[in-house]
N, C-alpha and C. Protein backbone atom coordinates (compact mmCIF):
# COMPACT_ATOMS: atom_id res chain seq x y z
N MET A 1 6.99 2.82 22.61
CA MET A 1 6.07 2.62 21.50
C MET A 1 4.70 3.18 21.86
N SER A 2 3.97 3.62 20.85
CA SER A 2 2.64 4.20 21.05
C SER A 2 1.63 3.11 21.39
N ASP A 3 0.59 3.51 22.14
CA ASP A 3 -0.51 2.59 22.43
C ASP A 3 -1.41 2.41 21.22
N LYS A 4 -1.37 3.37 20.31
CA LYS A 4 -2.24 3.33 19.15
C LYS A 4 -1.81 2.20 18.21
N PRO A 5 -2.76 1.45 17.66
CA PRO A 5 -2.36 0.42 16.70
C PRO A 5 -1.90 1.06 15.40
N LEU A 6 -1.02 0.36 14.71
CA LEU A 6 -0.57 0.81 13.38
C LEU A 6 -1.75 0.69 12.43
N ASN A 7 -2.06 1.77 11.72
CA ASN A 7 -3.17 1.77 10.74
C ASN A 7 -2.63 1.45 9.36
N VAL A 8 -3.12 0.38 8.78
CA VAL A 8 -2.65 -0.08 7.48
C VAL A 8 -3.79 -0.04 6.49
N LEU A 9 -3.53 0.52 5.32
CA LEU A 9 -4.47 0.44 4.20
C LEU A 9 -3.86 -0.51 3.18
N ALA A 10 -4.51 -1.65 2.98
CA ALA A 10 -4.04 -2.65 2.02
C ALA A 10 -4.87 -2.52 0.74
N VAL A 11 -4.21 -2.18 -0.35
CA VAL A 11 -4.90 -1.87 -1.61
C VAL A 11 -4.71 -3.02 -2.60
N VAL A 12 -5.83 -3.58 -3.06
CA VAL A 12 -5.82 -4.61 -4.09
C VAL A 12 -5.97 -3.92 -5.43
N GLY A 13 -4.91 -3.89 -6.22
CA GLY A 13 -4.92 -3.19 -7.49
C GLY A 13 -5.19 -4.08 -8.68
N SER A 14 -5.89 -5.18 -8.46
CA SER A 14 -6.24 -6.09 -9.54
C SER A 14 -7.77 -6.12 -9.69
N LEU A 15 -8.24 -6.13 -10.92
CA LEU A 15 -9.67 -6.22 -11.18
C LEU A 15 -10.08 -7.64 -11.61
N HIS A 16 -9.13 -8.55 -11.59
CA HIS A 16 -9.39 -9.93 -12.01
C HIS A 16 -10.27 -10.62 -10.98
N ARG A 17 -11.28 -11.34 -11.45
CA ARG A 17 -12.22 -12.00 -10.54
C ARG A 17 -11.51 -12.98 -9.59
N ASP A 18 -10.59 -13.77 -10.13
CA ASP A 18 -9.87 -14.77 -9.34
C ASP A 18 -8.43 -14.31 -9.09
N SER A 19 -8.28 -13.11 -8.64
CA SER A 19 -6.98 -12.47 -8.53
C SER A 19 -6.08 -13.12 -7.47
N VAL A 20 -4.85 -13.47 -7.89
CA VAL A 20 -3.86 -13.95 -6.93
C VAL A 20 -3.34 -12.78 -6.09
N THR A 21 -3.36 -11.58 -6.66
CA THR A 21 -2.99 -10.39 -5.89
C THR A 21 -3.91 -10.24 -4.69
N ARG A 22 -5.21 -10.41 -4.90
CA ARG A 22 -6.19 -10.29 -3.82
C ARG A 22 -5.90 -11.34 -2.72
N THR A 23 -5.58 -12.56 -3.14
CA THR A 23 -5.27 -13.63 -2.17
C THR A 23 -4.10 -13.23 -1.29
N VAL A 24 -3.04 -12.71 -1.90
CA VAL A 24 -1.83 -12.37 -1.13
C VAL A 24 -2.08 -11.15 -0.26
N VAL A 25 -2.73 -10.13 -0.78
CA VAL A 25 -3.00 -8.94 0.02
C VAL A 25 -3.89 -9.30 1.21
N GLN A 26 -4.89 -10.15 0.99
CA GLN A 26 -5.77 -10.56 2.09
C GLN A 26 -5.00 -11.35 3.15
N HIS A 27 -4.06 -12.18 2.72
CA HIS A 27 -3.21 -12.92 3.65
C HIS A 27 -2.41 -11.95 4.51
N ILE A 28 -1.80 -10.95 3.89
CA ILE A 28 -1.03 -9.95 4.63
C ILE A 28 -1.94 -9.22 5.61
N ALA A 29 -3.12 -8.83 5.16
CA ALA A 29 -4.07 -8.11 6.02
C ALA A 29 -4.43 -8.96 7.23
N ASP A 30 -4.71 -10.23 7.02
CA ASP A 30 -5.09 -11.12 8.12
C ASP A 30 -3.96 -11.26 9.13
N GLN A 31 -2.73 -11.40 8.63
CA GLN A 31 -1.57 -11.57 9.52
C GLN A 31 -1.30 -10.28 10.31
N LEU A 32 -1.45 -9.14 9.66
CA LEU A 32 -1.24 -7.87 10.36
C LEU A 32 -2.31 -7.65 11.44
N ARG A 33 -3.54 -8.01 11.13
CA ARG A 33 -4.61 -7.90 12.14
C ARG A 33 -4.30 -8.81 13.33
N ALA A 34 -3.84 -10.02 13.05
CA ALA A 34 -3.51 -10.95 14.12
C ALA A 34 -2.38 -10.42 15.00
N ALA A 35 -1.53 -9.57 14.41
CA ALA A 35 -0.41 -8.98 15.15
C ALA A 35 -0.78 -7.67 15.84
N GLY A 36 -2.06 -7.29 15.78
CA GLY A 36 -2.51 -6.11 16.51
C GLY A 36 -2.65 -4.84 15.71
N CYS A 37 -2.45 -4.90 14.40
CA CYS A 37 -2.60 -3.72 13.55
C CYS A 37 -4.07 -3.54 13.19
N SER A 38 -4.44 -2.30 12.89
CA SER A 38 -5.76 -1.97 12.37
C SER A 38 -5.62 -1.95 10.85
N VAL A 39 -6.34 -2.84 10.17
CA VAL A 39 -6.17 -2.99 8.72
C VAL A 39 -7.47 -2.74 7.99
N ASP A 40 -7.40 -1.88 6.99
CA ASP A 40 -8.52 -1.56 6.10
C ASP A 40 -8.11 -2.05 4.72
N VAL A 41 -8.94 -2.90 4.09
CA VAL A 41 -8.64 -3.39 2.75
C VAL A 41 -9.47 -2.62 1.74
N LEU A 42 -8.80 -2.01 0.78
CA LEU A 42 -9.45 -1.32 -0.32
C LEU A 42 -9.26 -2.16 -1.57
N ASP A 43 -10.31 -2.84 -1.98
CA ASP A 43 -10.28 -3.70 -3.17
C ASP A 43 -10.86 -2.89 -4.32
N LEU A 44 -10.02 -2.52 -5.26
CA LEU A 44 -10.45 -1.61 -6.33
C LEU A 44 -11.40 -2.27 -7.33
N ASP A 45 -11.55 -3.60 -7.26
CA ASP A 45 -12.58 -4.25 -8.05
C ASP A 45 -13.94 -4.07 -7.39
N ARG A 46 -13.97 -4.13 -6.07
CA ARG A 46 -15.23 -4.02 -5.34
C ARG A 46 -15.60 -2.58 -5.00
N GLU A 47 -14.60 -1.72 -5.00
CA GLU A 47 -14.83 -0.29 -4.74
C GLU A 47 -14.15 0.52 -5.84
N PRO A 48 -14.69 0.48 -7.06
CA PRO A 48 -14.01 1.15 -8.17
C PRO A 48 -13.98 2.66 -8.01
N LEU A 49 -12.90 3.23 -8.52
CA LEU A 49 -12.72 4.68 -8.52
C LEU A 49 -12.94 5.22 -9.93
N PRO A 50 -13.56 6.38 -10.06
CA PRO A 50 -13.62 6.99 -11.39
C PRO A 50 -12.20 7.37 -11.84
N PHE A 51 -11.99 7.46 -13.15
CA PHE A 51 -10.69 7.90 -13.63
C PHE A 51 -10.34 9.24 -13.02
N TYR A 52 -9.08 9.37 -12.64
CA TYR A 52 -8.63 10.60 -12.01
C TYR A 52 -8.72 11.76 -12.98
N ASN A 53 -9.42 12.80 -12.57
CA ASN A 53 -9.48 14.06 -13.29
C ASN A 53 -9.22 15.14 -12.25
N PRO A 54 -8.12 15.88 -12.35
CA PRO A 54 -7.81 16.86 -11.32
C PRO A 54 -8.86 17.93 -11.16
N ASP A 55 -9.69 18.14 -12.18
CA ASP A 55 -10.74 19.16 -12.10
C ASP A 55 -11.95 18.70 -11.31
N THR A 56 -12.19 17.38 -11.28
CA THR A 56 -13.44 16.89 -10.69
C THR A 56 -13.26 15.82 -9.62
N ALA A 57 -12.05 15.32 -9.39
CA ALA A 57 -11.85 14.17 -8.49
C ALA A 57 -12.43 14.42 -7.11
N GLU A 58 -12.19 15.61 -6.57
CA GLU A 58 -12.63 15.88 -5.21
C GLU A 58 -14.12 16.20 -5.13
N ASP A 59 -14.78 16.33 -6.29
CA ASP A 59 -16.22 16.61 -6.32
C ASP A 59 -17.06 15.33 -6.24
N GLN A 60 -16.42 14.17 -6.43
CA GLN A 60 -17.17 12.91 -6.40
C GLN A 60 -17.74 12.68 -4.99
N ALA A 61 -18.96 12.20 -4.92
CA ALA A 61 -19.63 12.00 -3.62
C ALA A 61 -18.85 11.04 -2.72
N SER A 62 -18.17 10.06 -3.31
CA SER A 62 -17.45 9.06 -2.51
C SER A 62 -16.06 9.51 -2.10
N PHE A 63 -15.59 10.64 -2.63
CA PHE A 63 -14.20 11.02 -2.41
C PHE A 63 -13.87 11.35 -0.95
N PRO A 64 -14.67 12.12 -0.21
CA PRO A 64 -14.28 12.46 1.17
C PRO A 64 -14.08 11.23 2.07
N ALA A 65 -14.95 10.23 1.92
CA ALA A 65 -14.80 9.02 2.75
C ALA A 65 -13.52 8.27 2.39
N LEU A 66 -13.21 8.16 1.10
CA LEU A 66 -11.98 7.49 0.69
C LEU A 66 -10.76 8.29 1.14
N GLN A 67 -10.82 9.59 0.98
CA GLN A 67 -9.69 10.43 1.40
C GLN A 67 -9.44 10.25 2.90
N ALA A 68 -10.48 10.13 3.70
CA ALA A 68 -10.32 9.93 5.15
C ALA A 68 -9.66 8.59 5.43
N ARG A 69 -10.00 7.55 4.66
CA ARG A 69 -9.36 6.24 4.84
C ARG A 69 -7.88 6.31 4.50
N VAL A 70 -7.55 6.99 3.42
CA VAL A 70 -6.14 7.12 3.01
C VAL A 70 -5.37 7.96 4.01
N ASP A 71 -5.98 9.05 4.46
CA ASP A 71 -5.33 9.94 5.42
C ASP A 71 -5.06 9.23 6.75
N ARG A 72 -5.98 8.37 7.17
CA ARG A 72 -5.85 7.66 8.44
C ARG A 72 -4.71 6.64 8.43
N ALA A 73 -4.36 6.14 7.25
CA ALA A 73 -3.36 5.07 7.14
C ALA A 73 -1.97 5.57 7.51
N ASP A 74 -1.22 4.72 8.22
CA ASP A 74 0.20 4.95 8.51
C ASP A 74 1.07 4.21 7.51
N VAL A 75 0.56 3.11 6.99
CA VAL A 75 1.29 2.23 6.06
C VAL A 75 0.34 1.85 4.94
N PHE A 76 0.91 1.74 3.72
CA PHE A 76 0.15 1.29 2.56
C PHE A 76 0.77 -0.01 2.03
N ILE A 77 -0.03 -1.07 2.01
CA ILE A 77 0.35 -2.29 1.31
C ILE A 77 -0.23 -2.15 -0.08
N LEU A 78 0.61 -2.12 -1.09
CA LEU A 78 0.16 -1.90 -2.46
C LEU A 78 0.36 -3.17 -3.26
N GLY A 79 -0.74 -3.84 -3.60
CA GLY A 79 -0.69 -5.08 -4.36
C GLY A 79 -1.17 -4.86 -5.78
N THR A 80 -0.33 -5.25 -6.74
CA THR A 80 -0.68 -5.03 -8.14
C THR A 80 -0.15 -6.17 -9.00
N PRO A 81 -0.87 -6.50 -10.06
CA PRO A 81 -0.29 -7.37 -11.07
C PRO A 81 0.72 -6.59 -11.90
N ASP A 82 1.62 -7.33 -12.52
CA ASP A 82 2.59 -6.77 -13.45
C ASP A 82 1.98 -6.84 -14.83
N TYR A 83 1.61 -5.67 -15.38
CA TYR A 83 1.07 -5.61 -16.74
C TYR A 83 2.10 -4.93 -17.63
N HIS A 84 2.74 -5.71 -18.49
CA HIS A 84 3.73 -5.19 -19.44
C HIS A 84 4.83 -4.41 -18.72
N GLY A 85 5.26 -4.92 -17.57
CA GLY A 85 6.34 -4.27 -16.83
C GLY A 85 5.91 -3.02 -16.09
N SER A 86 4.61 -2.88 -15.85
CA SER A 86 4.12 -1.69 -15.18
C SER A 86 3.00 -2.07 -14.20
N ILE A 87 2.64 -1.10 -13.35
CA ILE A 87 1.56 -1.31 -12.41
C ILE A 87 0.23 -1.32 -13.15
N SER A 88 -0.78 -1.89 -12.51
CA SER A 88 -2.11 -1.93 -13.14
C SER A 88 -2.68 -0.53 -13.26
N GLY A 89 -3.58 -0.36 -14.23
CA GLY A 89 -4.26 0.92 -14.39
C GLY A 89 -5.07 1.29 -13.15
N ALA A 90 -5.65 0.28 -12.50
CA ALA A 90 -6.45 0.54 -11.29
C ALA A 90 -5.56 1.09 -10.18
N MET A 91 -4.36 0.51 -10.01
CA MET A 91 -3.45 1.00 -8.97
C MET A 91 -2.96 2.40 -9.31
N LYS A 92 -2.60 2.63 -10.56
CA LYS A 92 -2.14 3.97 -10.94
C LYS A 92 -3.23 5.01 -10.70
N ASN A 93 -4.45 4.65 -11.04
CA ASN A 93 -5.57 5.57 -10.84
C ASN A 93 -5.75 5.89 -9.35
N PHE A 94 -5.64 4.87 -8.50
CA PHE A 94 -5.73 5.12 -7.06
C PHE A 94 -4.63 6.08 -6.61
N LEU A 95 -3.41 5.80 -7.01
CA LEU A 95 -2.27 6.62 -6.59
C LEU A 95 -2.39 8.05 -7.11
N ASP A 96 -2.96 8.22 -8.30
CA ASP A 96 -3.12 9.55 -8.88
C ASP A 96 -4.07 10.42 -8.05
N HIS A 97 -5.00 9.81 -7.34
CA HIS A 97 -5.99 10.57 -6.58
C HIS A 97 -5.40 11.25 -5.34
N PHE A 98 -4.21 10.83 -4.91
CA PHE A 98 -3.69 11.33 -3.63
C PHE A 98 -2.24 11.75 -3.76
N TRP A 99 -1.81 12.55 -2.83
CA TRP A 99 -0.41 12.99 -2.77
C TRP A 99 -0.07 13.35 -1.35
N HIS A 100 -0.67 14.42 -0.82
CA HIS A 100 -0.37 14.86 0.55
C HIS A 100 -0.60 13.75 1.56
N GLU A 101 -1.60 12.92 1.32
CA GLU A 101 -1.96 11.87 2.27
C GLU A 101 -0.88 10.79 2.39
N PHE A 102 0.05 10.72 1.40
CA PHE A 102 1.11 9.71 1.43
C PHE A 102 2.37 10.19 2.16
N ALA A 103 2.52 11.49 2.32
CA ALA A 103 3.76 12.06 2.83
C ALA A 103 4.10 11.53 4.23
N GLY A 104 5.34 11.09 4.39
CA GLY A 104 5.83 10.64 5.68
C GLY A 104 5.34 9.27 6.10
N LYS A 105 4.75 8.52 5.17
CA LYS A 105 4.21 7.20 5.49
C LYS A 105 4.99 6.12 4.75
N LEU A 106 4.71 4.86 5.07
CA LEU A 106 5.47 3.74 4.52
C LEU A 106 4.69 3.01 3.44
N PHE A 107 5.35 2.73 2.31
CA PHE A 107 4.80 1.89 1.24
C PHE A 107 5.48 0.51 1.31
N ALA A 108 4.69 -0.54 1.18
CA ALA A 108 5.22 -1.91 1.03
C ALA A 108 4.52 -2.50 -0.19
N THR A 109 5.29 -3.15 -1.07
CA THR A 109 4.75 -3.55 -2.37
C THR A 109 4.76 -5.05 -2.54
N VAL A 110 3.68 -5.55 -3.14
CA VAL A 110 3.58 -6.96 -3.53
C VAL A 110 3.11 -7.00 -4.98
N VAL A 111 3.78 -7.82 -5.78
CA VAL A 111 3.55 -7.79 -7.22
C VAL A 111 3.37 -9.22 -7.75
N ALA A 112 2.25 -9.45 -8.42
CA ALA A 112 2.03 -10.71 -9.12
C ALA A 112 2.71 -10.61 -10.47
N SER A 113 3.75 -11.43 -10.69
CA SER A 113 4.55 -11.27 -11.90
C SER A 113 5.27 -12.57 -12.24
N HIS A 114 5.40 -12.82 -13.52
CA HIS A 114 6.24 -13.94 -13.99
C HIS A 114 7.66 -13.45 -14.27
N GLU A 115 7.92 -12.18 -14.07
CA GLU A 115 9.22 -11.58 -14.36
C GLU A 115 9.85 -10.97 -13.11
N LYS A 116 9.52 -11.45 -11.93
CA LYS A 116 10.04 -10.98 -10.64
C LYS A 116 9.51 -9.62 -10.21
N GLY A 117 8.80 -8.91 -11.06
CA GLY A 117 8.15 -7.66 -10.68
C GLY A 117 9.09 -6.53 -10.31
N LEU A 118 10.36 -6.60 -10.72
CA LEU A 118 11.34 -5.59 -10.30
C LEU A 118 11.01 -4.20 -10.83
N THR A 119 10.62 -4.12 -12.10
CA THR A 119 10.29 -2.83 -12.69
C THR A 119 9.07 -2.23 -12.01
N VAL A 120 8.08 -3.06 -11.71
CA VAL A 120 6.86 -2.59 -11.07
C VAL A 120 7.18 -2.10 -9.65
N THR A 121 7.99 -2.86 -8.93
CA THR A 121 8.40 -2.45 -7.59
C THR A 121 9.14 -1.12 -7.64
N ASP A 122 10.03 -0.97 -8.61
CA ASP A 122 10.76 0.30 -8.76
C ASP A 122 9.81 1.45 -9.05
N GLN A 123 8.78 1.21 -9.87
CA GLN A 123 7.82 2.27 -10.17
C GLN A 123 7.07 2.69 -8.92
N LEU A 124 6.66 1.74 -8.10
CA LEU A 124 5.95 2.09 -6.86
C LEU A 124 6.87 2.81 -5.89
N ARG A 125 8.13 2.44 -5.85
CA ARG A 125 9.07 3.13 -4.97
C ARG A 125 9.34 4.54 -5.49
N THR A 126 9.34 4.73 -6.79
CA THR A 126 9.51 6.07 -7.36
C THR A 126 8.31 6.95 -6.97
N ILE A 127 7.12 6.40 -7.06
CA ILE A 127 5.92 7.15 -6.67
C ILE A 127 6.01 7.54 -5.19
N ALA A 128 6.44 6.59 -4.35
CA ALA A 128 6.60 6.89 -2.92
C ALA A 128 7.57 8.07 -2.74
N ARG A 129 8.69 8.00 -3.43
CA ARG A 129 9.69 9.06 -3.29
C ARG A 129 9.13 10.42 -3.75
N GLN A 130 8.40 10.42 -4.86
CA GLN A 130 7.82 11.66 -5.36
C GLN A 130 6.80 12.26 -4.40
N CYS A 131 6.18 11.41 -3.59
CA CYS A 131 5.16 11.86 -2.63
C CYS A 131 5.74 12.03 -1.23
N TYR A 132 7.06 12.03 -1.09
CA TYR A 132 7.73 12.17 0.19
C TYR A 132 7.33 11.07 1.18
N ALA A 133 7.07 9.89 0.62
CA ALA A 133 6.78 8.72 1.46
C ALA A 133 8.04 7.87 1.55
N TRP A 134 8.04 6.94 2.48
CA TRP A 134 9.10 5.95 2.64
C TRP A 134 8.67 4.68 1.93
N SER A 135 9.62 3.83 1.58
CA SER A 135 9.24 2.51 1.06
C SER A 135 10.24 1.49 1.60
N LEU A 136 9.74 0.27 1.78
CA LEU A 136 10.66 -0.79 2.13
C LEU A 136 11.67 -0.95 1.01
N PRO A 137 12.89 -1.35 1.32
CA PRO A 137 13.92 -1.43 0.27
C PRO A 137 13.78 -2.64 -0.64
N TYR A 138 12.71 -3.38 -0.49
CA TYR A 138 12.45 -4.55 -1.33
C TYR A 138 10.94 -4.68 -1.53
N GLY A 139 10.57 -5.45 -2.50
CA GLY A 139 9.17 -5.82 -2.69
C GLY A 139 9.08 -7.34 -2.70
N VAL A 140 7.88 -7.85 -2.59
CA VAL A 140 7.67 -9.29 -2.67
C VAL A 140 6.91 -9.56 -3.96
N SER A 141 7.45 -10.45 -4.77
CA SER A 141 6.76 -10.85 -6.00
C SER A 141 6.39 -12.33 -5.91
N PHE A 142 5.42 -12.71 -6.72
CA PHE A 142 4.93 -14.09 -6.69
C PHE A 142 4.27 -14.38 -8.01
N THR A 143 4.04 -15.66 -8.28
CA THR A 143 3.37 -16.05 -9.52
C THR A 143 2.19 -16.96 -9.20
N ASP A 144 1.22 -16.92 -10.10
CA ASP A 144 0.11 -17.84 -9.92
C ASP A 144 0.59 -19.26 -10.26
N LYS A 145 -0.10 -20.24 -9.77
CA LYS A 145 0.19 -21.65 -9.93
C LYS A 145 1.43 -22.10 -9.16
N GLN A 146 2.51 -21.35 -9.24
CA GLN A 146 3.72 -21.73 -8.51
C GLN A 146 3.64 -21.33 -7.04
N ASP A 147 3.11 -20.13 -6.77
CA ASP A 147 3.05 -19.61 -5.39
C ASP A 147 1.63 -19.57 -4.84
N VAL A 148 0.65 -19.33 -5.71
CA VAL A 148 -0.74 -19.18 -5.29
C VAL A 148 -1.61 -20.00 -6.21
N GLN A 149 -2.50 -20.78 -5.60
CA GLN A 149 -3.38 -21.64 -6.38
C GLN A 149 -4.72 -21.77 -5.67
N ASN A 150 -5.80 -21.65 -6.42
CA ASN A 150 -7.14 -21.84 -5.86
C ASN A 150 -7.39 -21.01 -4.60
N GLY A 151 -6.93 -19.76 -4.63
CA GLY A 151 -7.17 -18.86 -3.50
C GLY A 151 -6.32 -19.16 -2.27
N GLN A 152 -5.26 -19.93 -2.42
CA GLN A 152 -4.40 -20.29 -1.28
C GLN A 152 -2.93 -20.06 -1.65
N ILE A 153 -2.15 -19.63 -0.67
CA ILE A 153 -0.70 -19.54 -0.86
C ILE A 153 -0.15 -20.95 -0.63
N ILE A 154 0.52 -21.51 -1.64
CA ILE A 154 1.00 -22.88 -1.56
C ILE A 154 2.52 -22.96 -1.44
N SER A 155 3.20 -21.84 -1.58
CA SER A 155 4.67 -21.83 -1.56
C SER A 155 5.20 -21.45 -0.18
N ASP A 156 6.02 -22.31 0.40
CA ASP A 156 6.65 -21.98 1.68
C ASP A 156 7.60 -20.79 1.53
N SER A 157 8.25 -20.71 0.38
CA SER A 157 9.16 -19.60 0.13
C SER A 157 8.41 -18.27 0.16
N LEU A 158 7.25 -18.22 -0.49
CA LEU A 158 6.46 -16.98 -0.46
C LEU A 158 5.99 -16.69 0.95
N LYS A 159 5.55 -17.69 1.67
CA LYS A 159 5.10 -17.48 3.05
C LYS A 159 6.21 -16.86 3.89
N LYS A 160 7.45 -17.33 3.71
CA LYS A 160 8.58 -16.78 4.48
C LYS A 160 8.87 -15.34 4.09
N ARG A 161 8.80 -15.04 2.79
CA ARG A 161 9.04 -13.66 2.35
C ARG A 161 7.95 -12.72 2.88
N LEU A 162 6.72 -13.21 2.91
CA LEU A 162 5.63 -12.40 3.44
C LEU A 162 5.77 -12.21 4.95
N GLU A 163 6.23 -13.23 5.66
CA GLU A 163 6.49 -13.07 7.10
C GLU A 163 7.50 -11.97 7.35
N MET A 164 8.56 -11.93 6.53
CA MET A 164 9.57 -10.89 6.65
C MET A 164 8.95 -9.52 6.40
N MET A 165 8.14 -9.41 5.35
CA MET A 165 7.52 -8.13 5.03
C MET A 165 6.58 -7.69 6.15
N ILE A 166 5.78 -8.60 6.65
CA ILE A 166 4.84 -8.28 7.71
C ILE A 166 5.57 -7.80 8.95
N ARG A 167 6.66 -8.47 9.29
CA ARG A 167 7.48 -8.04 10.42
C ARG A 167 8.06 -6.65 10.18
N ASP A 168 8.58 -6.40 8.98
CA ASP A 168 9.18 -5.11 8.67
C ASP A 168 8.14 -3.99 8.63
N VAL A 169 6.94 -4.29 8.13
CA VAL A 169 5.87 -3.30 8.14
C VAL A 169 5.56 -2.89 9.58
N ARG A 170 5.47 -3.86 10.47
CA ARG A 170 5.15 -3.57 11.87
C ARG A 170 6.30 -2.78 12.53
N VAL A 171 7.53 -3.23 12.35
CA VAL A 171 8.66 -2.60 13.01
C VAL A 171 8.94 -1.22 12.44
N TYR A 172 9.20 -1.16 11.14
CA TYR A 172 9.60 0.12 10.54
C TYR A 172 8.40 1.05 10.36
N GLY A 173 7.25 0.48 10.07
CA GLY A 173 6.05 1.32 10.03
C GLY A 173 5.78 1.95 11.37
N GLY A 174 6.00 1.18 12.46
CA GLY A 174 5.81 1.73 13.80
C GLY A 174 6.79 2.84 14.12
N LEU A 175 8.05 2.66 13.73
CA LEU A 175 9.06 3.70 13.97
C LEU A 175 8.75 4.97 13.17
N ILE A 176 8.40 4.78 11.91
CA ILE A 176 8.13 5.94 11.05
C ILE A 176 6.90 6.69 11.55
N VAL A 177 5.85 5.98 11.94
CA VAL A 177 4.65 6.67 12.40
C VAL A 177 4.91 7.42 13.71
N GLN A 178 5.73 6.85 14.58
CA GLN A 178 6.08 7.56 15.82
C GLN A 178 6.76 8.88 15.50
N GLN A 179 7.74 8.84 14.59
CA GLN A 179 8.46 10.05 14.24
C GLN A 179 7.55 11.05 13.52
N ARG A 180 6.70 10.53 12.64
CA ARG A 180 5.77 11.40 11.91
C ARG A 180 4.84 12.12 12.89
N ARG A 181 4.30 11.38 13.85
CA ARG A 181 3.41 11.99 14.84
C ARG A 181 4.14 13.04 15.67
N ALA A 182 5.39 12.74 16.03
CA ALA A 182 6.18 13.71 16.79
C ALA A 182 6.44 14.96 15.95
N ASP A 183 6.76 14.76 14.67
CA ASP A 183 7.02 15.89 13.80
C ASP A 183 5.77 16.76 13.63
N LEU A 184 4.62 16.10 13.43
CA LEU A 184 3.38 16.84 13.24
C LEU A 184 2.96 17.60 14.51
N ALA A 185 3.35 17.08 15.67
CA ALA A 185 3.03 17.75 16.92
C ALA A 185 4.04 18.85 17.27
N GLY A 186 5.13 18.90 16.51
CA GLY A 186 6.20 19.85 16.81
C GLY A 186 5.91 21.25 16.32
N THR A 187 6.90 22.10 16.50
CA THR A 187 6.74 23.50 16.15
C THR A 187 7.72 23.96 15.08
N ASP A 188 8.40 23.01 14.42
CA ASP A 188 9.36 23.35 13.38
C ASP A 188 8.60 23.80 12.12
N PRO A 189 8.51 25.11 11.85
CA PRO A 189 7.73 25.58 10.70
C PRO A 189 8.31 25.10 9.37
N GLY A 190 9.61 24.91 9.31
CA GLY A 190 10.22 24.42 8.07
C GLY A 190 9.77 23.03 7.73
N PHE A 191 9.70 22.16 8.75
CA PHE A 191 9.23 20.79 8.52
C PHE A 191 7.78 20.80 8.07
N MET A 192 6.95 21.57 8.76
CA MET A 192 5.52 21.61 8.44
C MET A 192 5.31 22.13 7.01
N ALA A 193 6.09 23.11 6.61
CA ALA A 193 5.95 23.67 5.26
C ALA A 193 6.32 22.62 4.22
N ARG A 194 7.39 21.87 4.47
CA ARG A 194 7.81 20.83 3.51
C ARG A 194 6.77 19.74 3.43
N LEU A 195 6.18 19.35 4.56
CA LEU A 195 5.20 18.26 4.59
C LEU A 195 3.95 18.63 3.82
N ARG A 196 3.60 19.92 3.81
CA ARG A 196 2.34 20.34 3.19
C ARG A 196 2.53 20.88 1.77
N GLN A 197 3.74 20.83 1.24
CA GLN A 197 3.97 21.36 -0.11
C GLN A 197 3.15 20.60 -1.12
């Protein structure tokens, strides 16, 4: 295993002031830090992004710093509410800003939903696939009041599912980043060409 810590970017895709998504993403971030990972939390309510415009996105003064944060990440924790069976506009806008930076990295999804969040999880996994990223084969969904209340996770079931996700992020994220680093250091021109398409 590498001496380098796993770099995780945890994205809060909810703009709600009392967001249960934020509570769960922050819990994951805290647990990953305690396990030795380097975790950067991007809260899209506190760090809003302009709407994605392919003509001007990279001209924004804040873009290079954000791009560096995304590029540095080995794993993305993507937390979003379920809005009408889809990801939040804030999360979609974040994902629209990047593509190359996701290639060869791991996505893990958490969804605040009263409908199990399956459609939302599938959408995030589709985006991962389109960007040549990996994704865990499952997502974790939760509901307010039943699983999260007053800024606290109150459900033992949710805590256990998050423990599993945190373990899998560390294990599989670590394996994927090792292989990605080896591939990037290699001399296979075909691989490099595919990665940069």
